[in-house]
N, C-alpha and C. Protein backbone atom coordinates (compact mmCIF):
# COMPACT_ATOMS: atom_id res chain seq x y z
N MET A 1 -40.91 -4.52 22.82
CA MET A 1 -40.23 -4.98 21.62
C MET A 1 -38.78 -5.30 21.92
N SER A 2 -38.34 -6.38 21.39
CA SER A 2 -36.93 -6.71 21.59
C SER A 2 -36.12 -6.18 20.41
N ARG A 3 -34.94 -5.78 20.72
CA ARG A 3 -34.05 -5.25 19.67
C ARG A 3 -33.35 -6.41 18.96
N THR A 4 -33.19 -6.25 17.68
CA THR A 4 -32.45 -7.26 16.94
C THR A 4 -30.97 -6.91 17.00
N PRO A 5 -30.13 -7.90 17.12
CA PRO A 5 -28.69 -7.61 17.19
C PRO A 5 -28.22 -6.96 15.87
N THR A 6 -27.37 -5.99 16.02
CA THR A 6 -26.80 -5.33 14.84
C THR A 6 -25.33 -5.67 14.74
N LYS A 7 -24.84 -5.56 13.55
CA LYS A 7 -23.42 -5.82 13.34
C LYS A 7 -22.59 -4.71 13.96
N SER A 8 -21.47 -5.08 14.46
CA SER A 8 -20.55 -4.10 15.03
C SER A 8 -19.97 -3.23 13.92
N SER A 9 -19.73 -1.98 14.23
CA SER A 9 -19.14 -1.09 13.24
C SER A 9 -17.62 -1.20 13.22
N LYS A 10 -17.09 -2.09 14.04
CA LYS A 10 -15.64 -2.28 14.07
C LYS A 10 -15.17 -2.93 12.78
N ARG A 11 -13.98 -2.57 12.39
CA ARG A 11 -13.37 -3.18 11.21
C ARG A 11 -12.91 -4.59 11.55
N PRO A 12 -12.89 -5.45 10.56
CA PRO A 12 -12.38 -6.80 10.82
C PRO A 12 -10.90 -6.76 11.21
N ALA A 13 -10.48 -7.74 11.95
CA ALA A 13 -9.09 -7.80 12.41
C ALA A 13 -8.12 -7.96 11.25
N LYS A 14 -8.57 -8.60 10.17
CA LYS A 14 -7.70 -8.82 9.03
C LYS A 14 -7.52 -7.52 8.25
N GLY A 15 -6.37 -7.34 7.66
CA GLY A 15 -6.12 -6.20 6.80
C GLY A 15 -6.47 -6.54 5.37
N PHE A 16 -6.36 -5.57 4.51
CA PHE A 16 -6.62 -5.76 3.10
C PHE A 16 -5.42 -5.25 2.34
N THR A 17 -4.89 -6.08 1.48
CA THR A 17 -3.73 -5.69 0.69
C THR A 17 -4.19 -5.29 -0.70
N LEU A 18 -3.86 -4.08 -1.05
CA LEU A 18 -4.21 -3.56 -2.36
C LEU A 18 -3.08 -3.86 -3.32
N GLY A 19 -3.39 -4.47 -4.44
CA GLY A 19 -2.38 -4.83 -5.42
C GLY A 19 -1.89 -3.61 -6.19
N ARG A 20 -0.82 -3.81 -6.92
CA ARG A 20 -0.21 -2.73 -7.69
C ARG A 20 -1.15 -2.15 -8.73
N GLN A 21 -1.89 -3.02 -9.44
CA GLN A 21 -2.80 -2.53 -10.47
C GLN A 21 -3.97 -1.77 -9.87
N GLY A 22 -4.51 -2.28 -8.79
CA GLY A 22 -5.61 -1.58 -8.10
C GLY A 22 -5.16 -0.22 -7.58
N PHE A 23 -3.97 -0.19 -7.02
CA PHE A 23 -3.44 1.07 -6.51
C PHE A 23 -3.23 2.07 -7.64
N ALA A 24 -2.75 1.57 -8.78
CA ALA A 24 -2.53 2.44 -9.94
C ALA A 24 -3.83 3.05 -10.43
N LYS A 25 -4.91 2.25 -10.44
CA LYS A 25 -6.21 2.76 -10.87
C LYS A 25 -6.74 3.83 -9.92
N ILE A 26 -6.63 3.58 -8.63
CA ILE A 26 -7.08 4.57 -7.65
C ILE A 26 -6.25 5.83 -7.76
N SER A 27 -4.94 5.68 -7.88
CA SER A 27 -4.05 6.84 -7.99
C SER A 27 -4.39 7.67 -9.23
N GLU A 28 -4.71 7.00 -10.33
CA GLU A 28 -5.06 7.70 -11.56
C GLU A 28 -6.30 8.56 -11.35
N ILE A 29 -7.29 8.01 -10.68
CA ILE A 29 -8.52 8.77 -10.40
C ILE A 29 -8.21 9.95 -9.49
N GLU A 30 -7.32 9.76 -8.53
CA GLU A 30 -6.97 10.83 -7.59
C GLU A 30 -6.00 11.84 -8.19
N GLY A 31 -5.48 11.55 -9.37
CA GLY A 31 -4.54 12.47 -10.01
C GLY A 31 -3.12 12.35 -9.50
N ILE A 32 -2.79 11.21 -8.93
CA ILE A 32 -1.45 10.99 -8.38
C ILE A 32 -0.65 10.19 -9.40
N LYS A 33 0.53 10.70 -9.75
CA LYS A 33 1.39 9.98 -10.69
C LYS A 33 2.71 9.63 -10.02
N MET A 34 3.20 8.44 -10.32
CA MET A 34 4.48 8.02 -9.79
C MET A 34 5.58 8.66 -10.65
N SER A 35 6.60 9.18 -9.99
CA SER A 35 7.71 9.78 -10.73
C SER A 35 8.49 8.70 -11.46
N ARG A 36 9.24 9.11 -12.46
CA ARG A 36 10.06 8.14 -13.21
C ARG A 36 11.07 7.46 -12.29
N ALA A 37 11.62 8.24 -11.36
CA ALA A 37 12.61 7.67 -10.43
C ALA A 37 11.97 6.60 -9.55
N MET A 38 10.76 6.87 -9.07
CA MET A 38 10.07 5.89 -8.22
C MET A 38 9.72 4.65 -9.02
N ALA A 39 9.25 4.82 -10.26
CA ALA A 39 8.92 3.67 -11.10
C ALA A 39 10.16 2.82 -11.35
N ALA A 40 11.30 3.49 -11.55
CA ALA A 40 12.55 2.77 -11.77
C ALA A 40 12.95 1.99 -10.51
N GLU A 41 12.71 2.59 -9.33
CA GLU A 41 13.02 1.89 -8.08
C GLU A 41 12.19 0.62 -7.94
N PHE A 42 10.90 0.72 -8.26
CA PHE A 42 10.05 -0.46 -8.16
C PHE A 42 10.43 -1.53 -9.17
N ARG A 43 10.84 -1.14 -10.35
CA ARG A 43 11.32 -2.12 -11.32
C ARG A 43 12.58 -2.81 -10.79
N GLU A 44 13.43 -2.04 -10.13
CA GLU A 44 14.64 -2.60 -9.54
C GLU A 44 14.30 -3.57 -8.41
N PHE A 45 13.31 -3.22 -7.60
CA PHE A 45 12.86 -4.13 -6.54
C PHE A 45 12.40 -5.45 -7.15
N ASP A 46 11.63 -5.36 -8.26
CA ASP A 46 11.16 -6.57 -8.94
C ASP A 46 12.33 -7.38 -9.47
N ARG A 47 13.29 -6.69 -10.08
CA ARG A 47 14.45 -7.37 -10.66
C ARG A 47 15.23 -8.12 -9.59
N LYS A 48 15.38 -7.49 -8.42
CA LYS A 48 16.12 -8.10 -7.32
C LYS A 48 15.30 -9.15 -6.57
N GLY A 49 13.98 -9.15 -6.79
CA GLY A 49 13.12 -10.11 -6.11
C GLY A 49 12.97 -9.83 -4.62
N LEU A 50 12.94 -8.55 -4.25
CA LEU A 50 12.83 -8.19 -2.84
C LEU A 50 11.48 -8.59 -2.26
N SER A 51 11.50 -8.98 -1.00
CA SER A 51 10.27 -9.32 -0.29
C SER A 51 9.55 -8.01 0.07
N PRO A 52 8.26 -8.10 0.42
CA PRO A 52 7.54 -6.89 0.83
C PRO A 52 8.24 -6.16 1.99
N GLU A 53 8.76 -6.92 2.94
CA GLU A 53 9.46 -6.30 4.08
C GLU A 53 10.72 -5.57 3.62
N GLU A 54 11.47 -6.18 2.72
CA GLU A 54 12.69 -5.54 2.21
C GLU A 54 12.35 -4.28 1.42
N ARG A 55 11.24 -4.32 0.68
CA ARG A 55 10.79 -3.13 -0.07
C ARG A 55 10.44 -2.00 0.89
N ARG A 56 9.67 -2.34 1.94
CA ARG A 56 9.28 -1.32 2.93
C ARG A 56 10.50 -0.69 3.58
N LYS A 57 11.48 -1.53 3.93
CA LYS A 57 12.70 -1.01 4.57
C LYS A 57 13.45 -0.08 3.63
N ALA A 58 13.55 -0.45 2.35
CA ALA A 58 14.26 0.39 1.38
C ALA A 58 13.55 1.72 1.19
N ILE A 59 12.23 1.69 1.10
CA ILE A 59 11.45 2.93 0.92
C ILE A 59 11.56 3.80 2.17
N ALA A 60 11.44 3.18 3.35
CA ALA A 60 11.53 3.94 4.60
C ALA A 60 12.91 4.57 4.76
N ALA A 61 13.95 3.83 4.37
CA ALA A 61 15.31 4.35 4.50
C ALA A 61 15.51 5.57 3.60
N LYS A 62 14.90 5.54 2.41
CA LYS A 62 15.10 6.63 1.47
C LYS A 62 14.18 7.82 1.75
N TYR A 63 12.91 7.55 2.04
CA TYR A 63 11.92 8.62 2.16
C TYR A 63 11.43 8.90 3.57
N GLY A 64 11.73 8.00 4.52
CA GLY A 64 11.24 8.17 5.88
C GLY A 64 11.97 9.28 6.63
N LYS A 65 11.28 9.75 7.65
CA LYS A 65 11.88 10.78 8.50
C LYS A 65 12.85 10.13 9.49
N THR A 66 13.95 10.78 9.73
CA THR A 66 14.88 10.27 10.72
C THR A 66 14.56 10.94 12.05
N ARG A 67 14.66 10.18 13.10
CA ARG A 67 14.31 10.72 14.43
C ARG A 67 15.53 10.89 15.26
């Protein structure tokens, strides 16, 4: 008997970006709530029109570990 080819269990090379609403729904199920301060920061990011990279840098600067 010949074996039929099976799909690889490897993940696709592309990533998946979860939107803000989707993340909020998952967080709600997990019991995770964003603090008022964090929500205010994200509103400020929106107001300033920061790019995703600029947002990541701002979050990392504030909450990231320094080495």
